[in-house]
N, C-alpha and C. Protein backbone atom coordinates (compact mmCIF):
# COMPACT_ATOMS: atom_id res chain seq x y z
N UNK A 1 -1.49 14.95 -16.85
CA UNK A 1 -0.11 15.15 -16.35
C UNK A 1 0.07 14.42 -15.02
N UNK A 2 1.11 13.60 -14.94
CA UNK A 2 1.34 12.88 -13.67
C UNK A 2 1.65 13.85 -12.53
N UNK A 3 1.03 13.63 -11.40
CA UNK A 3 1.24 14.52 -10.25
C UNK A 3 2.69 14.46 -9.80
N UNK A 4 3.28 13.26 -9.90
CA UNK A 4 4.65 13.07 -9.43
C UNK A 4 5.61 14.02 -10.17
N UNK A 5 5.52 14.03 -11.51
CA UNK A 5 6.42 14.85 -12.31
C UNK A 5 6.25 16.33 -11.97
N UNK A 6 4.97 16.76 -11.85
CA UNK A 6 4.72 18.16 -11.54
C UNK A 6 5.28 18.51 -10.18
N UNK A 7 5.10 17.60 -9.23
CA UNK A 7 5.57 17.85 -7.87
C UNK A 7 7.10 18.01 -7.87
N UNK A 8 7.78 17.16 -8.62
CA UNK A 8 9.24 17.24 -8.68
C UNK A 8 9.66 18.57 -9.28
N UNK A 9 8.97 18.98 -10.33
CA UNK A 9 9.30 20.25 -10.98
C UNK A 9 9.10 21.42 -10.02
N UNK A 10 7.96 21.45 -9.36
CA UNK A 10 7.63 22.57 -8.48
C UNK A 10 8.52 22.59 -7.25
N UNK A 11 8.77 21.39 -6.68
CA UNK A 11 9.53 21.33 -5.44
C UNK A 11 11.02 21.05 -5.69
N UNK A 12 11.54 21.56 -6.79
CA UNK A 12 12.96 21.36 -7.08
C UNK A 12 13.79 22.33 -6.25
N UNK A 13 13.78 22.12 -4.94
CA UNK A 13 14.56 22.96 -4.04
C UNK A 13 16.03 22.52 -4.08
N UNK A 14 16.89 23.24 -3.38
CA UNK A 14 18.31 22.91 -3.37
C UNK A 14 18.56 21.48 -2.95
N UNK A 15 17.90 21.06 -1.89
CA UNK A 15 18.13 19.72 -1.36
C UNK A 15 17.68 18.65 -2.35
N UNK A 16 16.50 18.84 -2.92
CA UNK A 16 15.98 17.83 -3.85
C UNK A 16 16.79 17.82 -5.14
N UNK A 17 17.27 18.99 -5.56
CA UNK A 17 18.13 19.04 -6.74
C UNK A 17 19.39 18.24 -6.50
N UNK A 18 19.96 18.39 -5.30
CA UNK A 18 21.18 17.65 -4.97
C UNK A 18 20.90 16.15 -4.98
N UNK A 19 19.75 15.76 -4.44
CA UNK A 19 19.39 14.34 -4.41
C UNK A 19 19.23 13.80 -5.84
N UNK A 20 18.64 14.60 -6.72
CA UNK A 20 18.48 14.18 -8.11
C UNK A 20 19.84 13.99 -8.76
N UNK A 21 20.77 14.92 -8.52
CA UNK A 21 22.10 14.80 -9.11
C UNK A 21 22.83 13.59 -8.56
N UNK A 22 22.66 13.34 -7.25
CA UNK A 22 23.29 12.16 -6.65
C UNK A 22 22.72 10.89 -7.26
N UNK A 23 21.41 10.87 -7.49
CA UNK A 23 20.77 9.69 -8.08
C UNK A 23 21.30 9.48 -9.49
N UNK A 24 21.42 10.56 -10.26
CA UNK A 24 21.96 10.45 -11.62
C UNK A 24 23.38 9.90 -11.58
N UNK A 25 24.18 10.39 -10.63
CA UNK A 25 25.56 9.93 -10.48
C UNK A 25 25.60 8.45 -10.16
N UNK A 26 24.72 8.02 -9.24
CA UNK A 26 24.65 6.60 -8.88
C UNK A 26 24.26 5.77 -10.09
N UNK A 27 23.29 6.25 -10.88
CA UNK A 27 22.85 5.49 -12.05
C UNK A 27 23.97 5.37 -13.07
N UNK A 28 24.85 6.37 -13.12
CA UNK A 28 25.99 6.30 -14.05
C UNK A 28 27.03 5.30 -13.55
N UNK A 29 27.27 5.30 -12.24
CA UNK A 29 28.35 4.48 -11.69
C UNK A 29 27.90 3.05 -11.34
N UNK A 30 26.61 2.86 -11.14
CA UNK A 30 26.09 1.54 -10.75
C UNK A 30 26.57 0.41 -11.65
N UNK A 31 26.49 0.54 -12.98
CA UNK A 31 26.92 -0.57 -13.84
C UNK A 31 28.38 -0.94 -13.65
N UNK A 32 29.18 -0.02 -13.13
CA UNK A 32 30.61 -0.29 -12.93
C UNK A 32 30.89 -0.97 -11.60
N UNK A 33 29.89 -0.94 -10.70
CA UNK A 33 30.09 -1.55 -9.38
C UNK A 33 29.75 -3.03 -9.41
N UNK A 34 30.47 -3.84 -8.62
CA UNK A 34 30.17 -5.28 -8.55
C UNK A 34 28.80 -5.54 -7.94
N UNK A 35 28.43 -4.75 -6.94
CA UNK A 35 27.12 -4.89 -6.29
C UNK A 35 26.48 -3.52 -6.14
N UNK A 36 25.17 -3.43 -6.35
CA UNK A 36 24.49 -2.15 -6.14
C UNK A 36 24.50 -1.77 -4.67
N UNK A 37 24.65 -0.48 -4.35
CA UNK A 37 24.63 -0.04 -2.96
C UNK A 37 23.27 -0.29 -2.32
N UNK A 38 23.27 -0.57 -1.03
CA UNK A 38 22.01 -0.86 -0.33
C UNK A 38 21.12 0.38 -0.28
N UNK A 39 21.67 1.53 -0.62
CA UNK A 39 20.93 2.79 -0.59
C UNK A 39 19.62 2.68 -1.38
N UNK A 40 19.67 1.98 -2.53
CA UNK A 40 18.51 1.92 -3.40
C UNK A 40 17.72 0.63 -3.26
N UNK A 41 18.05 -0.19 -2.26
CA UNK A 41 17.35 -1.47 -2.10
C UNK A 41 15.89 -1.25 -1.70
N UNK A 42 15.59 -0.08 -1.14
CA UNK A 42 14.22 0.19 -0.67
C UNK A 42 13.31 0.56 -1.84
N UNK A 43 13.88 1.07 -2.94
CA UNK A 43 13.07 1.49 -4.07
C UNK A 43 12.48 0.28 -4.79
């Protein structure tokens, strides 16, 4: 089992849950944007 996945599951606190939802929202809207936001340029 990947440690990353387990860590995300265990540490699914309010803040991290919000970040996950925001990331999902960005992934949905990204294809509609002319340019990707610089927010994810570090990934």
